[in-house]
PDB file of all heavy atoms in Angstrom:
ATOM      1  N   LEU A   1      53.284  -7.467 -19.587  1.00  0.00           N
ATOM      2  CA  LEU A   1      52.620  -8.415 -20.300  1.00  0.00           C
ATOM      3  C   LEU A   1      53.392  -8.935 -21.470  1.00  0.00           C
ATOM      4  O   LEU A   1      53.463 -10.165 -21.777  1.00  0.00           O
ATOM      5  CB  LEU A   1      51.174  -7.816 -20.830  1.00  0.00           C
ATOM      6  CG  LEU A   1      50.242  -7.516 -19.739  1.00  0.00           C
ATOM      7  CD1 LEU A   1      49.095  -6.708 -20.239  1.00  0.00           C
ATOM      8  CD2 LEU A   1      49.665  -8.830 -19.206  1.00  0.00           C
ATOM      9  N   LEU A   2      54.102  -7.933 -22.205  1.00  0.00           N
ATOM     10  CA  LEU A   2      54.859  -8.415 -23.307  1.00  0.00           C
ATOM     11  C   LEU A   2      56.001  -9.355 -22.822  1.00  0.00           C
ATOM     12  O   LEU A   2      56.345 -10.303 -23.546  1.00  0.00           O
ATOM     13  CB  LEU A   2      55.585  -7.193 -24.031  1.00  0.00           C
ATOM     14  CG  LEU A   2      56.559  -7.378 -25.135  1.00  0.00           C
ATOM     15  CD1 LEU A   2      55.938  -8.144 -26.317  1.00  0.00           C
ATOM     16  CD2 LEU A   2      57.167  -6.158 -25.576  1.00  0.00           C
ATOM     17  N   GLU A   3      56.696  -9.021 -21.836  1.00  0.00           N
ATOM     18  CA  GLU A   3      57.797  -9.898 -21.237  1.00  0.00           C
ATOM     19  C   GLU A   3      57.241 -11.287 -20.890  1.00  0.00           C
ATOM     20  O   GLU A   3      57.890 -12.322 -21.386  1.00  0.00           O
ATOM     21  CB  GLU A   3      58.363  -9.257 -19.986  1.00  0.00           C
ATOM     22  CG  GLU A   3      59.162  -8.003 -20.388  1.00  0.00           C
ATOM     23  CD  GLU A   3      59.500  -7.045 -19.196  1.00  0.00           C
ATOM     24  OE1 GLU A   3      59.117  -7.544 -17.865  1.00  0.00           O
ATOM     25  OE2 GLU A   3      59.951  -6.013 -19.277  1.00  0.00           O
ATOM     26  N   THR A   4      56.115 -11.431 -20.348  1.00  0.00           N
ATOM     27  CA  THR A   4      55.461 -12.693 -20.053  1.00  0.00           C
ATOM     28  C   THR A   4      55.192 -13.470 -21.400  1.00  0.00           C
ATOM     29  O   THR A   4      55.403 -14.542 -21.466  1.00  0.00           O
ATOM     30  CB  THR A   4      54.138 -12.456 -19.332  1.00  0.00           C
ATOM     31  OG1 THR A   4      54.568 -11.902 -18.019  1.00  0.00           O
ATOM     32  CG2 THR A   4      53.516 -13.846 -18.851  1.00  0.00           C
ATOM     33  N   LYS A   5      54.545 -12.756 -22.373  1.00  0.00           N
ATOM     34  CA  LYS A   5      54.182 -13.436 -23.524  1.00  0.00           C
ATOM     35  C   LYS A   5      55.587 -13.902 -24.313  1.00  0.00           C
ATOM     36  O   LYS A   5      55.534 -15.044 -24.797  1.00  0.00           O
ATOM     37  CB  LYS A   5      53.498 -12.472 -24.556  1.00  0.00           C
ATOM     38  CG  LYS A   5      52.173 -11.963 -23.923  1.00  0.00           C
ATOM     39  CD  LYS A   5      51.032 -12.769 -24.556  1.00  0.00           C
ATOM     40  CE  LYS A   5      49.629 -12.135 -24.183  1.00  0.00           C
ATOM     41  NZ  LYS A   5      48.596 -12.956 -24.368  1.00  0.00           N
ATOM     42  N   ALA A   6      56.529 -12.979 -24.306  1.00  0.00           N
ATOM     43  CA  ALA A   6      57.743 -13.339 -25.039  1.00  0.00           C
ATOM     44  C   ALA A   6      58.430 -14.560 -24.350  1.00  0.00           C
ATOM     45  O   ALA A   6      58.950 -15.421 -25.102  1.00  0.00           O
ATOM     46  CB  ALA A   6      58.686 -12.096 -25.079  1.00  0.00           C
ATOM     47  N   ALA A   7      58.478 -14.595 -23.075  1.00  0.00           N
ATOM     48  CA  ALA A   7      59.008 -15.661 -22.389  1.00  0.00           C
ATOM     49  C   ALA A   7      58.280 -16.990 -22.687  1.00  0.00           C
ATOM     50  O   ALA A   7      58.986 -18.101 -22.859  1.00  0.00           O
ATOM     51  CB  ALA A   7      59.013 -15.452 -20.900  1.00  0.00           C
ATOM     52  N   GLY A   8      57.081 -16.887 -22.964  1.00  0.00           N
ATOM     53  CA  GLY A   8      56.338 -18.053 -23.362  1.00  0.00           C
ATOM     54  C   GLY A   8      56.645 -18.557 -24.614  1.00  0.00           C
ATOM     55  O   GLY A   8      56.443 -19.798 -25.107  1.00  0.00           O
ATOM     56  N   TYR A   9      57.352 -17.795 -25.530  1.00  0.00           N
ATOM     57  CA  TYR A   9      57.836 -18.314 -26.803  1.00  0.00           C
ATOM     58  C   TYR A   9      59.311 -18.649 -26.781  1.00  0.00           C
ATOM     59  O   TYR A   9      59.900 -18.793 -27.836  1.00  0.00           O
ATOM     60  CB  TYR A   9      57.575 -17.164 -27.827  1.00  0.00           C
ATOM     61  CG  TYR A   9      56.195 -17.036 -28.294  1.00  0.00           C
ATOM     62  CD1 TYR A   9      55.292 -16.043 -27.749  1.00  0.00           C
ATOM     63  CD2 TYR A   9      55.659 -17.719 -29.380  1.00  0.00           C
ATOM     64  CE1 TYR A   9      54.103 -15.866 -28.282  1.00  0.00           C
ATOM     65  CE2 TYR A   9      54.400 -17.715 -29.774  1.00  0.00           C
ATOM     66  CZ  TYR A   9      53.555 -16.709 -29.218  1.00  0.00           C
ATOM     67  OH  TYR A   9      52.300 -16.598 -29.554  1.00  0.00           O
ATOM     68  N   GLY A  10      59.887 -18.710 -25.585  1.00  0.00           N
ATOM     69  CA  GLY A  10      61.168 -19.021 -25.443  1.00  0.00           C
ATOM     70  C   GLY A  10      62.149 -17.936 -25.560  1.00  0.00           C
ATOM     71  O   GLY A  10      63.383 -18.213 -25.559  1.00  0.00           O
ATOM     72  N   VAL A  11      61.631 -16.697 -25.526  1.00  0.00           N
ATOM     73  CA  VAL A  11      62.515 -15.541 -25.659  1.00  0.00           C
ATOM     74  C   VAL A  11      63.306 -15.284 -24.305  1.00  0.00           C
ATOM     75  O   VAL A  11      62.694 -15.508 -23.290  1.00  0.00           O
ATOM     76  CB  VAL A  11      61.748 -14.253 -26.005  1.00  0.00           C
ATOM     77  CG1 VAL A  11      62.486 -13.040 -25.820  1.00  0.00           C
ATOM     78  CG2 VAL A  11      61.127 -14.330 -27.376  1.00  0.00           C
ATOM     79  N   GLN A  12      64.576 -15.087 -24.374  1.00  0.00           N
ATOM     80  CA  GLN A  12      65.533 -14.950 -23.246  1.00  0.00           C
ATOM     81  C   GLN A  12      65.789 -13.525 -23.011  1.00  0.00           C
ATOM     82  O   GLN A  12      66.183 -13.252 -21.841  1.00  0.00           O
ATOM     83  CB  GLN A  12      66.786 -15.761 -23.417  1.00  0.00           C
ATOM     84  CG  GLN A  12      66.521 -17.215 -23.641  1.00  0.00           C
ATOM     85  CD  GLN A  12      67.633 -17.966 -24.289  1.00  0.00           C
ATOM     86  OE1 GLN A  12      68.100 -17.466 -25.282  1.00  0.00           O
ATOM     87  NE2 GLN A  12      67.905 -19.147 -23.840  1.00  0.00           N
ATOM     88  N   ALA A  13      65.542 -12.650 -23.985  1.00  0.00           N
ATOM     89  CA  ALA A  13      65.916 -11.202 -23.664  1.00  0.00           C
ATOM     90  C   ALA A  13      65.136 -10.382 -24.586  1.00  0.00           C
ATOM     91  O   ALA A  13      64.746 -10.792 -25.697  1.00  0.00           O
ATOM     92  CB  ALA A  13      67.381 -10.938 -23.797  1.00  0.00           C
ATOM     93  N   ILE A  14      64.895  -9.181 -24.272  1.00  0.00           N
ATOM     94  CA  ILE A  14      64.130  -8.235 -25.130  1.00  0.00           C
ATOM     95  C   ILE A  14      65.237  -7.063 -25.346  1.00  0.00           C
ATOM     96  O   ILE A  14      65.812  -6.576 -24.308  1.00  0.00           O
ATOM     97  CB  ILE A  14      62.922  -7.654 -24.463  1.00  0.00           C
ATOM     98  CG1 ILE A  14      61.815  -8.772 -24.357  1.00  0.00           C
ATOM     99  CG2 ILE A  14      62.369  -6.446 -25.327  1.00  0.00           C
ATOM    100  CD1 ILE A  14      60.466  -8.289 -23.776  1.00  0.00           C
ATOM    101  N   ASN A  15      65.408  -6.641 -26.686  1.00  0.00           N
ATOM    102  CA  ASN A  15      66.382  -5.684 -26.884  1.00  0.00           C
ATOM    103  C   ASN A  15      65.599  -4.536 -27.704  1.00  0.00           C
ATOM    104  O   ASN A  15      64.575  -4.828 -28.289  1.00  0.00           O
ATOM    105  CB  ASN A  15      67.361  -6.391 -27.913  1.00  0.00           C
ATOM    106  CG  ASN A  15      68.463  -5.371 -28.376  1.00  0.00           C
ATOM    107  OD1 ASN A  15      68.967  -4.704 -27.517  1.00  0.00           O
ATOM    108  ND2 ASN A  15      68.853  -5.241 -29.587  1.00  0.00           N
ATOM    109  N   LEU A  16      66.059  -3.376 -27.475  1.00  0.00           N
ATOM    110  CA  LEU A  16      65.315  -2.190 -28.008  1.00  0.00           C
ATOM    111  C   LEU A  16      66.236  -1.067 -28.184  1.00  0.00           C
ATOM    112  O   LEU A  16      67.323  -0.980 -27.515  1.00  0.00           O
ATOM    113  CB  LEU A  16      64.091  -1.762 -27.265  1.00  0.00           C
ATOM    114  CG  LEU A  16      64.401  -1.349 -25.779  1.00  0.00           C
ATOM    115  CD1 LEU A  16      64.703   0.127 -25.751  1.00  0.00           C
ATOM    116  CD2 LEU A  16      63.143  -1.638 -24.929  1.00  0.00           C
ATOM    117  N   ASN A  17      65.995  -0.144 -29.002  1.00  0.00           N
ATOM    118  CA  ASN A  17      66.778   1.084 -29.203  1.00  0.00           C
ATOM    119  C   ASN A  17      65.945   2.270 -28.889  1.00  0.00           C
ATOM    120  O   ASN A  17      64.799   2.443 -29.385  1.00  0.00           O
ATOM    121  CB  ASN A  17      67.320   1.248 -30.603  1.00  0.00           C
ATOM    122  CG  ASN A  17      68.395   0.198 -30.908  1.00  0.00           C
ATOM    123  OD1 ASN A  17      69.466   0.041 -30.158  1.00  0.00           O
ATOM    124  ND2 ASN A  17      68.271  -0.508 -31.999  1.00  0.00           N
ATOM    125  N   THR A  18      66.570   3.322 -28.301  1.00  0.00           N
ATOM    126  CA  THR A  18      65.875   4.652 -27.970  1.00  0.00           C
ATOM    127  C   THR A  18      66.936   5.640 -27.803  1.00  0.00           C
ATOM    128  O   THR A  18      68.099   5.295 -27.832  1.00  0.00           O
ATOM    129  CB  THR A  18      64.917   4.542 -26.881  1.00  0.00           C
ATOM    130  OG1 THR A  18      64.114   5.703 -26.836  1.00  0.00           O
ATOM    131  CG2 THR A  18      65.688   4.429 -25.555  1.00  0.00           C
ATOM    132  N   SER A  19      66.555   6.888 -27.737  1.00  0.00           N
ATOM    133  CA  SER A  19      67.540   7.868 -27.509  1.00  0.00           C
ATOM    134  C   SER A  19      67.573   8.261 -26.066  1.00  0.00           C
ATOM    135  O   SER A  19      66.527   8.372 -25.319  1.00  0.00           O
ATOM    136  CB  SER A  19      67.090   9.259 -28.344  1.00  0.00           C
ATOM    137  OG  SER A  19      67.738  10.285 -27.942  1.00  0.00           O
ATOM    138  N   ARG A  20      68.814   8.611 -25.505  1.00  0.00           N
ATOM    139  CA  ARG A  20      68.907   9.016 -24.154  1.00  0.00           C
ATOM    140  C   ARG A  20      68.222  10.410 -23.976  1.00  0.00           C
ATOM    141  O   ARG A  20      67.800  10.696 -22.750  1.00  0.00           O
ATOM    142  CB  ARG A  20      70.393   9.279 -23.832  1.00  0.00           C
ATOM    143  CG  ARG A  20      71.128   7.973 -23.699  1.00  0.00           C
ATOM    144  CD  ARG A  20      72.617   8.324 -23.186  1.00  0.00           C
ATOM    145  NE  ARG A  20      73.482   7.110 -23.281  1.00  0.00           N
ATOM    146  CZ  ARG A  20      74.041   6.829 -24.361  1.00  0.00           C
ATOM    147  NH1 ARG A  20      74.067   7.510 -25.484  1.00  0.00           N
ATOM    148  NH2 ARG A  20      74.852   5.685 -24.329  1.00  0.00           N
ATOM    149  N   LYS A  21      67.914  11.121 -24.939  1.00  0.00           N
ATOM    150  CA  LYS A  21      67.292  12.464 -24.754  1.00  0.00           C
ATOM    151  C   LYS A  21      65.792  12.400 -24.694  1.00  0.00           C
ATOM    152  O   LYS A  21      65.202  13.508 -24.405  1.00  0.00           O
ATOM    153  CB  LYS A  21      67.691  13.321 -26.083  1.00  0.00           C
ATOM    154  CG  LYS A  21      69.097  13.577 -26.264  1.00  0.00           C
ATOM    155  CD  LYS A  21      69.374  14.400 -27.556  1.00  0.00           C
ATOM    156  CE  LYS A  21      70.827  14.650 -27.650  1.00  0.00           C
ATOM    157  NZ  LYS A  21      71.120  15.313 -28.890  1.00  0.00           N
ATOM    158  N   LEU A  22      65.215  11.187 -24.869  1.00  0.00           N
ATOM    159  CA  LEU A  22      63.672  11.177 -24.885  1.00  0.00           C
ATOM    160  C   LEU A  22      63.214  10.600 -23.670  1.00  0.00           C
ATOM    161  O   LEU A  22      63.816   9.832 -22.907  1.00  0.00           O
ATOM    162  CB  LEU A  22      63.349  10.236 -25.994  1.00  0.00           C
ATOM    163  CG  LEU A  22      63.653  10.723 -27.479  1.00  0.00           C
ATOM    164  CD1 LEU A  22      63.209   9.692 -28.455  1.00  0.00           C
ATOM    165  CD2 LEU A  22      62.978  12.038 -27.718  1.00  0.00           C
ATOM    166  N   PRO A  23      61.996  10.926 -23.255  1.00  0.00           N
ATOM    167  CA  PRO A  23      61.493  10.345 -22.015  1.00  0.00           C
ATOM    168  C   PRO A  23      61.291   8.891 -22.070  1.00  0.00           C
ATOM    169  O   PRO A  23      61.363   8.080 -21.056  1.00  0.00           O
ATOM    170  CB  PRO A  23      59.899  10.939 -22.023  1.00  0.00           C
ATOM    171  CG  PRO A  23      60.081  12.182 -22.882  1.00  0.00           C
ATOM    172  CD  PRO A  23      61.135  11.900 -23.958  1.00  0.00           C
ATOM    173  N   ALA A  24      61.283   8.285 -23.242  1.00  0.00           N
ATOM    174  CA  ALA A  24      61.221   6.612 -23.414  1.00  0.00           C
ATOM    175  C   ALA A  24      62.457   6.076 -22.810  1.00  0.00           C
ATOM    176  O   ALA A  24      62.343   5.092 -22.167  1.00  0.00           O
ATOM    177  CB  ALA A  24      61.181   6.384 -24.883  1.00  0.00           C
ATOM    178  N   PHE A  25      63.637   6.839 -22.784  1.00  0.00           N
ATOM    179  CA  PHE A  25      64.793   6.288 -22.248  1.00  0.00           C
ATOM    180  C   PHE A  25      64.553   6.020 -20.739  1.00  0.00           C
ATOM    181  O   PHE A  25      64.845   4.917 -20.226  1.00  0.00           O
ATOM    182  CB  PHE A  25      65.978   7.157 -22.349  1.00  0.00           C
ATOM    183  CG  PHE A  25      67.281   6.735 -21.733  1.00  0.00           C
ATOM    184  CD1 PHE A  25      68.003   5.732 -22.422  1.00  0.00           C
ATOM    185  CD2 PHE A  25      67.772   7.347 -20.608  1.00  0.00           C
ATOM    186  CE1 PHE A  25      69.218   5.269 -21.733  1.00  0.00           C
ATOM    187  CE2 PHE A  25      68.929   6.874 -19.968  1.00  0.00           C
ATOM    188  CZ  PHE A  25      69.628   5.912 -20.556  1.00  0.00           C
ATOM    189  N   ASN A  26      64.010   6.980 -19.958  1.00  0.00           N
ATOM    190  CA  ASN A  26      63.858   6.790 -18.634  1.00  0.00           C
ATOM    191  C   ASN A  26      62.718   5.861 -18.415  1.00  0.00           C
ATOM    192  O   ASN A  26      62.738   5.157 -17.269  1.00  0.00           O
ATOM    193  CB  ASN A  26      63.568   8.171 -17.924  1.00  0.00           C
ATOM    194  CG  ASN A  26      64.757   9.087 -17.905  1.00  0.00           C
ATOM    195  OD1 ASN A  26      65.873   8.631 -17.724  1.00  0.00           O
ATOM    196  ND2 ASN A  26      64.540  10.452 -18.078  1.00  0.00           N
ATOM    197  N   PHE A  27      61.663   5.791 -19.141  1.00  0.00           N
ATOM    198  CA  PHE A  27      60.561   4.711 -19.064  1.00  0.00           C
ATOM    199  C   PHE A  27      61.156   3.398 -19.101  1.00  0.00           C
ATOM    200  O   PHE A  27      60.868   2.577 -18.240  1.00  0.00           O
ATOM    201  CB  PHE A  27      59.657   5.053 -20.204  1.00  0.00           C
ATOM    202  CG  PHE A  27      58.702   3.852 -20.424  1.00  0.00           C
ATOM    203  CD1 PHE A  27      57.569   3.713 -19.470  1.00  0.00           C
ATOM    204  CD2 PHE A  27      58.853   2.900 -21.380  1.00  0.00           C
ATOM    205  CE1 PHE A  27      56.677   2.569 -19.639  1.00  0.00           C
ATOM    206  CE2 PHE A  27      57.972   1.876 -21.550  1.00  0.00           C
ATOM    207  CZ  PHE A  27      56.859   1.712 -20.681  1.00  0.00           C
ATOM    208  N   TYR A  28      61.983   3.057 -20.106  1.00  0.00           N
ATOM    209  CA  TYR A  28      62.651   1.733 -20.223  1.00  0.00           C
ATOM    210  C   TYR A  28      63.549   1.395 -19.104  1.00  0.00           C
ATOM    211  O   TYR A  28      63.437   0.321 -18.483  1.00  0.00           O
ATOM    212  CB  TYR A  28      63.323   1.538 -21.517  1.00  0.00           C
ATOM    213  CG  TYR A  28      62.493   1.486 -22.655  1.00  0.00           C
ATOM    214  CD1 TYR A  28      62.561   2.407 -23.718  1.00  0.00           C
ATOM    215  CD2 TYR A  28      61.393   0.549 -22.821  1.00  0.00           C
ATOM    216  CE1 TYR A  28      61.722   2.360 -24.733  1.00  0.00           C
ATOM    217  CE2 TYR A  28      60.612   0.572 -23.887  1.00  0.00           C
ATOM    218  CZ  TYR A  28      60.709   1.484 -24.957  1.00  0.00           C
ATOM    219  OH  TYR A  28      59.820   1.451 -25.984  1.00  0.00           O
ATOM    220  N   LYS A  29      64.281   2.345 -18.600  1.00  0.00           N
ATOM    221  CA  LYS A  29      65.238   2.138 -17.343  1.00  0.00           C
ATOM    222  C   LYS A  29      64.399   1.851 -16.195  1.00  0.00           C
ATOM    223  O   LYS A  29      64.766   0.994 -15.380  1.00  0.00           O
ATOM    224  CB  LYS A  29      66.109   3.399 -17.130  1.00  0.00           C
ATOM    225  CG  LYS A  29      67.047   3.810 -18.235  1.00  0.00           C
ATOM    226  CD  LYS A  29      68.370   3.275 -18.237  1.00  0.00           C
ATOM    227  CE  LYS A  29      69.127   3.769 -16.980  1.00  0.00           C
ATOM    228  NZ  LYS A  29      70.439   3.133 -16.860  1.00  0.00           N
ATOM    229  N   LYS A  30      63.282   2.657 -16.052  1.00  0.00           N
ATOM    230  CA  LYS A  30      62.273   2.382 -14.887  1.00  0.00           C
ATOM    231  C   LYS A  30      61.730   1.000 -14.832  1.00  0.00           C
ATOM    232  O   LYS A  30      61.538   0.413 -13.789  1.00  0.00           O
ATOM    233  CB  LYS A  30      61.318   3.437 -14.925  1.00  0.00           C
ATOM    234  CG  LYS A  30      60.107   3.333 -13.772  1.00  0.00           C
ATOM    235  CD  LYS A  30      58.986   4.227 -13.990  1.00  0.00           C
ATOM    236  CE  LYS A  30      58.082   3.485 -14.900  1.00  0.00           C
ATOM    237  NZ  LYS A  30      56.765   4.022 -15.176  1.00  0.00           N
ATOM    238  N   ASN A  31      61.511   0.417 -16.074  1.00  0.00           N
ATOM    239  CA  ASN A  31      61.062  -0.912 -16.302  1.00  0.00           C
ATOM    240  C   ASN A  31      62.146  -1.986 -16.232  1.00  0.00           C
ATOM    241  O   ASN A  31      61.854  -3.142 -16.686  1.00  0.00           O
ATOM    242  CB  ASN A  31      60.185  -0.832 -17.465  1.00  0.00           C
ATOM    243  CG  ASN A  31      58.730  -0.271 -17.241  1.00  0.00           C
ATOM    244  OD1 ASN A  31      58.005  -0.873 -16.538  1.00  0.00           O
ATOM    245  ND2 ASN A  31      58.650   0.978 -17.619  1.00  0.00           N
ATOM    246  N   GLY A  32      63.282  -1.713 -15.864  1.00  0.00           N
ATOM    247  CA  GLY A  32      64.367  -2.663 -15.656  1.00  0.00           C
ATOM    248  C   GLY A  32      65.224  -2.902 -16.778  1.00  0.00           C
ATOM    249  O   GLY A  32      66.091  -3.891 -16.809  1.00  0.00           O
ATOM    250  N   TYR A  33      65.167  -2.200 -17.822  1.00  0.00           N
ATOM    251  CA  TYR A  33      66.021  -2.304 -18.984  1.00  0.00           C
ATOM    252  C   TYR A  33      67.333  -1.538 -18.739  1.00  0.00           C
ATOM    253  O   TYR A  33      67.369  -0.497 -18.272  1.00  0.00           O
ATOM    254  CB  TYR A  33      65.260  -1.818 -20.383  1.00  0.00           C
ATOM    255  CG  TYR A  33      64.175  -2.695 -20.679  1.00  0.00           C
ATOM    256  CD1 TYR A  33      63.001  -2.750 -20.014  1.00  0.00           C
ATOM    257  CD2 TYR A  33      64.415  -3.600 -21.787  1.00  0.00           C
ATOM    258  CE1 TYR A  33      62.046  -3.676 -20.372  1.00  0.00           C
ATOM    259  CE2 TYR A  33      63.378  -4.495 -22.102  1.00  0.00           C
ATOM    260  CZ  TYR A  33      62.170  -4.559 -21.446  1.00  0.00           C
ATOM    261  OH  TYR A  33      61.262  -5.324 -21.715  1.00  0.00           O
ATOM    262  N   GLU A  34      68.393  -2.125 -19.169  1.00  0.00           N
ATOM    263  CA  GLU A  34      69.744  -1.675 -18.853  1.00  0.00           C
ATOM    264  C   GLU A  34      70.305  -1.198 -20.164  1.00  0.00           C
ATOM    265  O   GLU A  34      70.267  -1.835 -21.186  1.00  0.00           O
ATOM    266  CB  GLU A  34      70.620  -2.667 -18.247  1.00  0.00           C
ATOM    267  CG  GLU A  34      70.171  -3.162 -16.890  1.00  0.00           C
ATOM    268  CD  GLU A  34      70.885  -4.161 -16.207  1.00  0.00           C
ATOM    269  OE1 GLU A  34      72.061  -4.429 -16.645  1.00  0.00           O
ATOM    270  OE2 GLU A  34      70.445  -4.806 -15.258  1.00  0.00           O
TER     271      GLU A  34
END
């Protein structure tokens, strides 16, 4: 939903920071973040 909303504002990319050691890293990778 965030990606859709952001694209509607002309956003071309979403950037974020996390730690490789946290479950969030795999969550974001699973959701297509590189």
